[in-house]
PDB file of all heavy atoms in Angstrom:
ATOM      1  N   LEU A   1      96.300 114.515  91.975  1.00  0.00           N
ATOM      2  CA  LEU A   1      97.574 113.779  91.906  1.00  0.00           C
ATOM      3  C   LEU A   1      97.686 112.952  90.622  1.00  0.00           C
ATOM      4  O   LEU A   1      98.770 112.867  90.022  1.00  0.00           O
ATOM      5  CB  LEU A   1      97.689 112.816  93.102  1.00  0.00           C
ATOM      6  CG  LEU A   1      97.985 113.423  94.458  1.00  0.00           C
ATOM      7  CD1 LEU A   1      97.720 112.406  95.565  1.00  0.00           C
ATOM      8  CD2 LEU A   1      99.420 113.936  94.523  1.00  0.00           C
ATOM      9  N   ALA A   2      96.578 112.411  90.176  1.00  0.00           N
ATOM     10  CA  ALA A   2      96.596 111.572  88.960  1.00  0.00           C
ATOM     11  C   ALA A   2      96.985 112.324  87.701  1.00  0.00           C
ATOM     12  O   ALA A   2      97.425 111.751  86.725  1.00  0.00           O
ATOM     13  CB  ALA A   2      95.190 110.915  88.797  1.00  0.00           C
ATOM     14  N   GLU A   3      96.785 113.653  87.743  1.00  0.00           N
ATOM     15  CA  GLU A   3      97.081 114.490  86.575  1.00  0.00           C
ATOM     16  C   GLU A   3      98.511 114.980  86.555  1.00  0.00           C
ATOM     17  O   GLU A   3      98.960 115.579  85.584  1.00  0.00           O
ATOM     18  CB  GLU A   3      96.117 115.650  86.530  1.00  0.00           C
ATOM     19  CG  GLU A   3      94.664 115.252  86.300  1.00  0.00           C
ATOM     20  CD  GLU A   3      93.717 116.437  86.315  1.00  0.00           C
ATOM     21  OE1 GLU A   3      94.168 117.584  86.523  1.00  0.00           O
ATOM     22  OE2 GLU A   3      92.503 116.247  86.092  1.00  0.00           O
ATOM     23  N   LEU A   4      99.257 114.749  87.650  1.00  0.00           N
ATOM     24  CA  LEU A   4     100.636 115.272  87.724  1.00  0.00           C
ATOM     25  C   LEU A   4     101.655 114.267  87.253  1.00  0.00           C
ATOM     26  O   LEU A   4     101.398 113.071  87.230  1.00  0.00           O
ATOM     27  CB  LEU A   4     100.968 115.619  89.215  1.00  0.00           C
ATOM     28  CG  LEU A   4     100.069 116.657  89.899  1.00  0.00           C
ATOM     29  CD1 LEU A   4     100.497 116.797  91.350  1.00  0.00           C
ATOM     30  CD2 LEU A   4     100.147 117.991  89.184  1.00  0.00           C
ATOM     31  N   ASP A   5     102.796 114.772  86.813  1.00  0.00           N
ATOM     32  CA  ASP A   5     103.899 113.846  86.463  1.00  0.00           C
ATOM     33  C   ASP A   5     104.553 113.349  87.759  1.00  0.00           C
ATOM     34  O   ASP A   5     104.205 113.826  88.844  1.00  0.00           O
ATOM     35  CB  ASP A   5     104.933 114.506  85.529  1.00  0.00           C
ATOM     36  CG  ASP A   5     105.605 115.719  86.131  1.00  0.00           C
ATOM     37  OD1 ASP A   5     105.835 115.734  87.384  1.00  0.00           O
ATOM     38  OD2 ASP A   5     105.936 116.660  85.416  1.00  0.00           O
ATOM     39  N   GLU A   6     105.439 112.386  87.661  1.00  0.00           N
ATOM     40  CA  GLU A   6     105.935 111.677  88.831  1.00  0.00           C
ATOM     41  C   GLU A   6     106.626 112.621  89.831  1.00  0.00           C
ATOM     42  O   GLU A   6     106.415 112.512  91.036  1.00  0.00           O
ATOM     43  CB  GLU A   6     106.908 110.582  88.404  1.00  0.00           C
ATOM     44  CG  GLU A   6     107.229 109.573  89.523  1.00  0.00           C
ATOM     45  CD  GLU A   6     108.005 108.393  89.053  1.00  0.00           C
ATOM     46  OE1 GLU A   6     107.944 108.089  87.845  1.00  0.00           O
ATOM     47  OE2 GLU A   6     108.684 107.732  89.890  1.00  0.00           O
ATOM     48  N   SER A   7     107.445 113.524  89.359  1.00  0.00           N
ATOM     49  CA  SER A   7     108.167 114.402  90.298  1.00  0.00           C
ATOM     50  C   SER A   7     107.253 115.368  91.021  1.00  0.00           C
ATOM     51  O   SER A   7     107.374 115.581  92.229  1.00  0.00           O
ATOM     52  CB  SER A   7     109.240 115.195  89.523  1.00  0.00           C
ATOM     53  OG  SER A   7     108.698 116.017  88.510  1.00  0.00           O
ATOM     54  N   ASP A   8     106.279 115.921  90.264  1.00  0.00           N
ATOM     55  CA  ASP A   8     105.333 116.866  90.885  1.00  0.00           C
ATOM     56  C   ASP A   8     104.417 116.114  91.871  1.00  0.00           C
ATOM     57  O   ASP A   8     104.036 116.660  92.916  1.00  0.00           O
ATOM     58  CB  ASP A   8     104.464 117.552  89.802  1.00  0.00           C
ATOM     59  CG  ASP A   8     105.261 118.562  89.017  1.00  0.00           C
ATOM     60  OD1 ASP A   8     106.320 119.012  89.494  1.00  0.00           O
ATOM     61  OD2 ASP A   8     104.842 118.923  87.891  1.00  0.00           O
ATOM     62  N   ARG A   9     104.090 114.862  91.498  1.00  0.00           N
ATOM     63  CA  ARG A   9     103.242 114.035  92.384  1.00  0.00           C
ATOM     64  C   ARG A   9     103.947 113.780  93.701  1.00  0.00           C
ATOM     65  O   ARG A   9     103.379 113.909  94.777  1.00  0.00           O
ATOM     66  CB  ARG A   9     102.877 112.741  91.705  1.00  0.00           C
ATOM     67  CG  ARG A   9     101.841 111.894  92.487  1.00  0.00           C
ATOM     68  CD  ARG A   9     101.515 110.591  91.780  1.00  0.00           C
ATOM     69  NE  ARG A   9     101.037 110.816  90.436  1.00  0.00           N
ATOM     70  CZ  ARG A   9     101.543 110.278  89.345  1.00  0.00           C
ATOM     71  NH1 ARG A   9     102.569 109.471  89.409  1.00  0.00           N
ATOM     72  NH2 ARG A   9     101.018 110.540  88.167  1.00  0.00           N
ATOM     73  N   ALA A  10     105.248 113.451  93.631  1.00  0.00           N
ATOM     74  CA  ALA A  10     106.006 113.157  94.848  1.00  0.00           C
ATOM     75  C   ALA A  10     106.093 114.430  95.738  1.00  0.00           C
ATOM     76  O   ALA A  10     105.991 114.327  96.951  1.00  0.00           O
ATOM     77  CB  ALA A  10     107.417 112.718  94.465  1.00  0.00           C
ATOM     78  N   GLU A  11     106.255 115.528  95.064  1.00  0.00           N
ATOM     79  CA  GLU A  11     106.344 116.837  95.826  1.00  0.00           C
ATOM     80  C   GLU A  11     105.036 117.139  96.534  1.00  0.00           C
ATOM     81  O   GLU A  11     104.990 117.527  97.689  1.00  0.00           O
ATOM     82  CB  GLU A  11     106.714 117.947  94.863  1.00  0.00           C
ATOM     83  CG  GLU A  11     106.958 119.317  95.549  1.00  0.00           C
ATOM     84  CD  GLU A  11     107.362 120.399  94.572  1.00  0.00           C
ATOM     85  OE1 GLU A  11     107.963 120.058  93.513  1.00  0.00           O
ATOM     86  OE2 GLU A  11     107.112 121.583  94.847  1.00  0.00           O
ATOM     87  N   MET A  12     103.898 116.894  95.821  1.00  0.00           N
ATOM     88  CA  MET A  12     102.578 117.169  96.397  1.00  0.00           C
ATOM     89  C   MET A  12     102.292 116.220  97.538  1.00  0.00           C
ATOM     90  O   MET A  12     101.751 116.602  98.573  1.00  0.00           O
ATOM     91  CB  MET A  12     101.514 117.103  95.307  1.00  0.00           C
ATOM     92  CG  MET A  12     100.131 117.531  95.775  1.00  0.00           C
ATOM     93  SD  MET A  12      98.974 117.689  94.393  1.00  0.00           S
ATOM     94  CE  MET A  12      97.531 118.327  95.234  1.00  0.00           C
ATOM     95  N   LEU A  13     102.654 114.937  97.340  1.00  0.00           N
ATOM     96  CA  LEU A  13     102.440 113.953  98.428  1.00  0.00           C
ATOM     97  C   LEU A  13     103.212 114.374  99.673  1.00  0.00           C
ATOM     98  O   LEU A  13     102.661 114.270 100.796  1.00  0.00           O
ATOM     99  CB  LEU A  13     102.901 112.575  97.966  1.00  0.00           C
ATOM    100  CG  LEU A  13     101.977 111.819  97.023  1.00  0.00           C
ATOM    101  CD1 LEU A  13     102.672 110.608  96.426  1.00  0.00           C
ATOM    102  CD2 LEU A  13     100.675 111.392  97.708  1.00  0.00           C
ATOM    103  N   GLU A  14     104.433 114.793  99.496  1.00  0.00           N
ATOM    104  CA  GLU A  14     105.245 115.211 100.658  1.00  0.00           C
ATOM    105  C   GLU A  14     104.637 116.410 101.347  1.00  0.00           C
ATOM    106  O   GLU A  14     104.628 116.486 102.595  1.00  0.00           O
ATOM    107  CB  GLU A  14     106.675 115.517 100.177  1.00  0.00           C
ATOM    108  CG  GLU A  14     107.640 115.832 101.337  1.00  0.00           C
ATOM    109  CD  GLU A  14     109.056 116.136 100.865  1.00  0.00           C
ATOM    110  OE1 GLU A  14     109.313 116.080  99.627  1.00  0.00           O
ATOM    111  OE2 GLU A  14     109.897 116.442 101.720  1.00  0.00           O
ATOM    112  N   SER A  15     104.071 117.311 100.555  1.00  0.00           N
ATOM    113  CA  SER A  15     103.514 118.521 101.121  1.00  0.00           C
ATOM    114  C   SER A  15     102.282 118.266 101.997  1.00  0.00           C
ATOM    115  O   SER A  15     101.947 119.015 102.934  1.00  0.00           O
ATOM    116  CB  SER A  15     103.137 119.531 100.035  1.00  0.00           C
ATOM    117  OG  SER A  15     102.012 119.083  99.267  1.00  0.00           O
ATOM    118  N   VAL A  16     101.573 117.159 101.717  1.00  0.00           N
ATOM    119  CA  VAL A  16     100.362 116.810 102.468  1.00  0.00           C
ATOM    120  C   VAL A  16     100.634 115.674 103.462  1.00  0.00           C
ATOM    121  O   VAL A  16      99.725 115.215 104.144  1.00  0.00           O
ATOM    122  CB  VAL A  16      99.177 116.458 101.547  1.00  0.00           C
ATOM    123  CG1 VAL A  16      98.772 117.626 100.701  1.00  0.00           C
ATOM    124  CG2 VAL A  16      99.493 115.236 100.697  1.00  0.00           C
ATOM    125  N   GLY A  17     101.873 115.202 103.527  1.00  0.00           N
ATOM    126  CA  GLY A  17     102.270 114.189 104.521  1.00  0.00           C
ATOM    127  C   GLY A  17     101.879 112.771 104.182  1.00  0.00           C
ATOM    128  O   GLY A  17     101.739 111.945 105.073  1.00  0.00           O
ATOM    129  N   LEU A  18     101.768 112.457 102.883  1.00  0.00           N
ATOM    130  CA  LEU A  18     101.480 111.083 102.467  1.00  0.00           C
ATOM    131  C   LEU A  18     102.680 110.431 101.797  1.00  0.00           C
ATOM    132  O   LEU A  18     103.412 111.089 101.043  1.00  0.00           O
ATOM    133  CB  LEU A  18     100.313 111.061 101.452  1.00  0.00           C
ATOM    134  CG  LEU A  18      98.918 111.497 101.977  1.00  0.00           C
ATOM    135  CD1 LEU A  18      97.917 111.473 100.833  1.00  0.00           C
ATOM    136  CD2 LEU A  18      98.450 110.589 103.114  1.00  0.00           C
ATOM    137  N   GLU A  19     102.909 109.174 102.101  1.00  0.00           N
ATOM    138  CA  GLU A  19     104.043 108.447 101.511  1.00  0.00           C
ATOM    139  C   GLU A  19     103.736 107.968 100.100  1.00  0.00           C
ATOM    140  O   GLU A  19     104.620 107.794  99.264  1.00  0.00           O
ATOM    141  CB  GLU A  19     104.429 107.253 102.375  1.00  0.00           C
ATOM    142  CG  GLU A  19     105.002 107.637 103.728  1.00  0.00           C
ATOM    143  CD  GLU A  19     105.429 106.432 104.546  1.00  0.00           C
ATOM    144  OE1 GLU A  19     105.319 105.309 104.030  1.00  0.00           O
ATOM    145  OE2 GLU A  19     105.870 106.642 105.692  1.00  0.00           O
ATOM    146  N   GLU A  20     102.477 107.690  99.810  1.00  0.00           N
ATOM    147  CA  GLU A  20     102.041 107.227  98.486  1.00  0.00           C
ATOM    148  C   GLU A  20     100.595 107.675  98.305  1.00  0.00           C
ATOM    149  O   GLU A  20      99.882 107.979  99.252  1.00  0.00           O
ATOM    150  CB  GLU A  20     102.163 105.721  98.350  1.00  0.00           C
ATOM    151  CG  GLU A  20     101.303 104.937  99.343  1.00  0.00           C
ATOM    152  CD  GLU A  20     101.412 103.415  99.127  1.00  0.00           C
ATOM    153  OE1 GLU A  20     101.892 102.983  98.107  1.00  0.00           O
ATOM    154  OE2 GLU A  20     100.986 102.703 100.054  1.00  0.00           O
ATOM    155  N   PRO A  21     100.132 107.706  97.057  1.00  0.00           N
ATOM    156  CA  PRO A  21      98.727 108.039  96.855  1.00  0.00           C
ATOM    157  C   PRO A  21      97.813 107.051  97.592  1.00  0.00           C
ATOM    158  O   PRO A  21      98.108 105.842  97.627  1.00  0.00           O
ATOM    159  CB  PRO A  21      98.542 107.897  95.337  1.00  0.00           C
ATOM    160  CG  PRO A  21      99.906 108.104  94.754  1.00  0.00           C
ATOM    161  CD  PRO A  21     100.828 107.526  95.756  1.00  0.00           C
ATOM    162  N   ALA A  22      96.723 107.509  98.126  1.00  0.00           N
ATOM    163  CA  ALA A  22      95.806 106.661  98.845  1.00  0.00           C
ATOM    164  C   ALA A  22      95.168 105.646  97.865  1.00  0.00           C
ATOM    165  O   ALA A  22      94.761 104.565  98.301  1.00  0.00           O
ATOM    166  CB  ALA A  22      94.698 107.471  99.485  1.00  0.00           C
ATOM    167  N   LEU A  23      95.202 105.967  96.585  1.00  0.00           N
ATOM    168  CA  LEU A  23      94.647 105.030  95.592  1.00  0.00           C
ATOM    169  C   LEU A  23      95.474 103.749  95.547  1.00  0.00           C
ATOM    170  O   LEU A  23      94.920 102.679  95.228  1.00  0.00           O
ATOM    171  CB  LEU A  23      94.648 105.682  94.202  1.00  0.00           C
ATOM    172  CG  LEU A  23      93.679 106.888  94.034  1.00  0.00           C
ATOM    173  CD1 LEU A  23      93.690 107.341  92.595  1.00  0.00           C
ATOM    174  CD2 LEU A  23      92.275 106.551  94.480  1.00  0.00           C
ATOM    175  N   ALA A  24      96.777 103.820  95.841  1.00  0.00           N
ATOM    176  CA  ALA A  24      97.610 102.621  95.868  1.00  0.00           C
ATOM    177  C   ALA A  24      97.137 101.726  96.999  1.00  0.00           C
ATOM    178  O   ALA A  24      97.046 100.476  96.839  1.00  0.00           O
ATOM    179  CB  ALA A  24      99.056 103.008  96.051  1.00  0.00           C
ATOM    180  N   VAL A  25      96.836 102.332  98.153  1.00  0.00           N
ATOM    181  CA  VAL A  25      96.336 101.542  99.296  1.00  0.00           C
ATOM    182  C   VAL A  25      94.992 100.951  98.969  1.00  0.00           C
ATOM    183  O   VAL A  25      94.708  99.787  99.286  1.00  0.00           O
ATOM    184  CB  VAL A  25      96.187 102.464 100.538  1.00  0.00           C
ATOM    185  CG1 VAL A  25      95.677 101.700 101.736  1.00  0.00           C
ATOM    186  CG2 VAL A  25      97.535 103.107 100.868  1.00  0.00           C
ATOM    187  N   LEU A  26      94.149 101.717  98.277  1.00  0.00           N
ATOM    188  CA  LEU A  26      92.793 101.276  97.895  1.00  0.00           C
ATOM    189  C   LEU A  26      92.884 100.090  96.944  1.00  0.00           C
ATOM    190  O   LEU A  26      92.155  99.093  97.057  1.00  0.00           O
ATOM    191  CB  LEU A  26      92.032 102.412  97.277  1.00  0.00           C
ATOM    192  CG  LEU A  26      90.657 102.076  96.691  1.00  0.00           C
ATOM    193  CD1 LEU A  26      89.761 101.431  97.728  1.00  0.00           C
ATOM    194  CD2 LEU A  26      89.972 103.317  96.128  1.00  0.00           C
ATOM    195  N   ALA A  27      93.755 100.181  95.921  1.00  0.00           N
ATOM    196  CA  ALA A  27      93.886  99.113  94.942  1.00  0.00           C
ATOM    197  C   ALA A  27      94.290  97.785  95.597  1.00  0.00           C
ATOM    198  O   ALA A  27      93.750  96.740  95.322  1.00  0.00           O
ATOM    199  CB  ALA A  27      94.893  99.482  93.842  1.00  0.00           C
ATOM    200  N   ARG A  28      95.226  97.864  96.544  1.00  0.00           N
ATOM    201  CA  ARG A  28      95.697  96.651  97.231  1.00  0.00           C
ATOM    202  C   ARG A  28      94.584  96.082  98.119  1.00  0.00           C
ATOM    203  O   ARG A  28      94.385  94.878  98.206  1.00  0.00           O
ATOM    204  CB  ARG A  28      96.929  96.954  98.064  1.00  0.00           C
ATOM    205  CG  ARG A  28      98.179  97.243  97.230  1.00  0.00           C
ATOM    206  CD  ARG A  28      99.441  97.185  98.075  1.00  0.00           C
ATOM    207  NE  ARG A  28      99.521  98.285  99.025  1.00  0.00           N
ATOM    208  CZ  ARG A  28     100.089  99.454  98.796  1.00  0.00           C
ATOM    209  NH1 ARG A  28     100.657  99.677  97.595  1.00  0.00           N
ATOM    210  NH2 ARG A  28     100.134 100.389  99.694  1.00  0.00           N
ATOM    211  N   ALA A  29      93.826  96.971  98.768  1.00  0.00           N
ATOM    212  CA  ALA A  29      92.691  96.526  99.628  1.00  0.00           C
ATOM    213  C   ALA A  29      91.599  95.880  98.774  1.00  0.00           C
ATOM    214  O   ALA A  29      91.011  94.886  99.207  1.00  0.00           O
ATOM    215  CB  ALA A  29      92.162  97.722 100.450  1.00  0.00           C
ATOM    216  N   ALA A  30      91.326  96.439  97.629  1.00  0.00           N
ATOM    217  CA  ALA A  30      90.303  95.870  96.718  1.00  0.00           C
ATOM    218  C   ALA A  30      90.742  94.484  96.278  1.00  0.00           C
ATOM    219  O   ALA A  30      89.936  93.535  96.175  1.00  0.00           O
ATOM    220  CB  ALA A  30      90.104  96.792  95.532  1.00  0.00           C
ATOM    221  N   TYR A  31      92.022  94.341  96.007  1.00  0.00           N
ATOM    222  CA  TYR A  31      92.589  93.048  95.620  1.00  0.00           C
ATOM    223  C   TYR A  31      92.381  92.012  96.692  1.00  0.00           C
ATOM    224  O   TYR A  31      91.952  90.895  96.417  1.00  0.00           O
ATOM    225  CB  TYR A  31      94.087  93.316  95.394  1.00  0.00           C
ATOM    226  CG  TYR A  31      94.854  92.332  94.519  1.00  0.00           C
ATOM    227  CD1 TYR A  31      94.571  92.192  93.163  1.00  0.00           C
ATOM    228  CD2 TYR A  31      95.902  91.592  95.048  1.00  0.00           C
ATOM    229  CE1 TYR A  31      95.303  91.320  92.357  1.00  0.00           C
ATOM    230  CE2 TYR A  31      96.647  90.731  94.251  1.00  0.00           C
ATOM    231  CZ  TYR A  31      96.325  90.601  92.900  1.00  0.00           C
ATOM    232  OH  TYR A  31      97.066  89.768  92.105  1.00  0.00           O
ATOM    233  N   ARG A  32      92.628  92.402  97.921  1.00  0.00           N
ATOM    234  CA  ARG A  32      92.423  91.469  99.056  1.00  0.00           C
ATOM    235  C   ARG A  32      90.945  91.129  99.228  1.00  0.00           C
ATOM    236  O   ARG A  32      90.579  90.007  99.521  1.00  0.00           O
ATOM    237  CB  ARG A  32      92.954  92.096 100.387  1.00  0.00           C
ATOM    238  CG  ARG A  32      94.457  92.175 100.462  1.00  0.00           C
ATOM    239  CD  ARG A  32      94.901  92.488 101.861  1.00  0.00           C
ATOM    240  NE  ARG A  32      94.421  93.779 102.319  1.00  0.00           N
ATOM    241  CZ  ARG A  32      95.033  94.959 102.130  1.00  0.00           C
ATOM    242  NH1 ARG A  32      96.171  94.972 101.484  1.00  0.00           N
ATOM    243  NH2 ARG A  32      94.537  96.062 102.597  1.00  0.00           N
ATOM    244  N   THR A  33      90.092  92.152  99.090  1.00  0.00           N
ATOM    245  CA  THR A  33      88.647  91.989  99.275  1.00  0.00           C
ATOM    246  C   THR A  33      88.099  90.960  98.253  1.00  0.00           C
ATOM    247  O   THR A  33      87.190  90.180  98.540  1.00  0.00           O
ATOM    248  CB  THR A  33      87.882  93.315  99.153  1.00  0.00           C
ATOM    249  OG1 THR A  33      88.394  94.217 100.151  1.00  0.00           O
ATOM    250  CG2 THR A  33      86.422  93.153  99.310  1.00  0.00           C
ATOM    251  N   LEU A  34      88.681  90.983  97.051  1.00  0.00           N
ATOM    252  CA  LEU A  34      88.283  90.040  96.017  1.00  0.00           C
ATOM    253  C   LEU A  34      88.857  88.618  96.257  1.00  0.00           C
ATOM    254  O   LEU A  34      88.533  87.658  95.522  1.00  0.00           O
ATOM    255  CB  LEU A  34      88.755  90.513  94.650  1.00  0.00           C
ATOM    256  CG  LEU A  34      87.921  91.620  94.019  1.00  0.00           C
ATOM    257  CD1 LEU A  34      88.700  92.325  92.920  1.00  0.00           C
ATOM    258  CD2 LEU A  34      86.610  91.048  93.456  1.00  0.00           C
ATOM    259  N   GLY A  35      89.680  88.472  97.300  1.00  0.00           N
ATOM    260  CA  GLY A  35      90.263  87.192  97.627  1.00  0.00           C
ATOM    261  C   GLY A  35      91.349  86.795  96.626  1.00  0.00           C
ATOM    262  O   GLY A  35      91.502  85.592  96.285  1.00  0.00           O
ATOM    263  N   LEU A  36      92.125  87.769  96.202  1.00  0.00           N
ATOM    264  CA  LEU A  36      93.177  87.527  95.213  1.00  0.00           C
ATOM    265  C   LEU A  36      94.560  87.631  95.797  1.00  0.00           C
ATOM    266  O   LEU A  36      94.743  88.292  96.839  1.00  0.00           O
ATOM    267  CB  LEU A  36      93.051  88.512  94.050  1.00  0.00           C
ATOM    268  CG  LEU A  36      91.720  88.558  93.301  1.00  0.00           C
ATOM    269  CD1 LEU A  36      91.701  89.680  92.287  1.00  0.00           C
ATOM    270  CD2 LEU A  36      91.438  87.197  92.642  1.00  0.00           C
ATOM    271  N   GLN A  37      95.541  87.020  95.167  1.00  0.00           N
ATOM    272  CA  GLN A  37      96.929  87.136  95.551  1.00  0.00           C
ATOM    273  C   GLN A  37      97.784  87.088  94.309  1.00  0.00           C
ATOM    274  O   GLN A  37      97.313  86.741  93.210  1.00  0.00           O
ATOM    275  CB  GLN A  37      97.331  86.041  96.527  1.00  0.00           C
ATOM    276  CG  GLN A  37      97.249  84.629  95.943  1.00  0.00           C
ATOM    277  CD  GLN A  37      97.610  83.543  96.987  1.00  0.00           C
ATOM    278  OE1 GLN A  37      97.600  83.811  98.173  1.00  0.00           O
ATOM    279  NE2 GLN A  37      97.885  82.354  96.502  1.00  0.00           N
ATOM    280  N   SER A  38      99.062  87.444  94.463  1.00  0.00           N
ATOM    281  CA  SER A  38      99.960  87.490  93.312  1.00  0.00           C
ATOM    282  C   SER A  38     101.083  86.476  93.410  1.00  0.00           C
ATOM    283  O   SER A  38     101.552  86.198  94.521  1.00  0.00           O
ATOM    284  CB  SER A  38     100.609  88.897  93.205  1.00  0.00           C
ATOM    285  OG  SER A  38      99.644  89.877  92.919  1.00  0.00           O
TER     286      SER A  38
END
């Protein structure tokens, strides 16, 4: 997914049933684990 452009990424995500890359979920979880906020 990281190697695709935005439109191809969205198409691939839809094909596998994901709303967003799991990396987005991971980045937010890592942020929380570090005890950070925005």
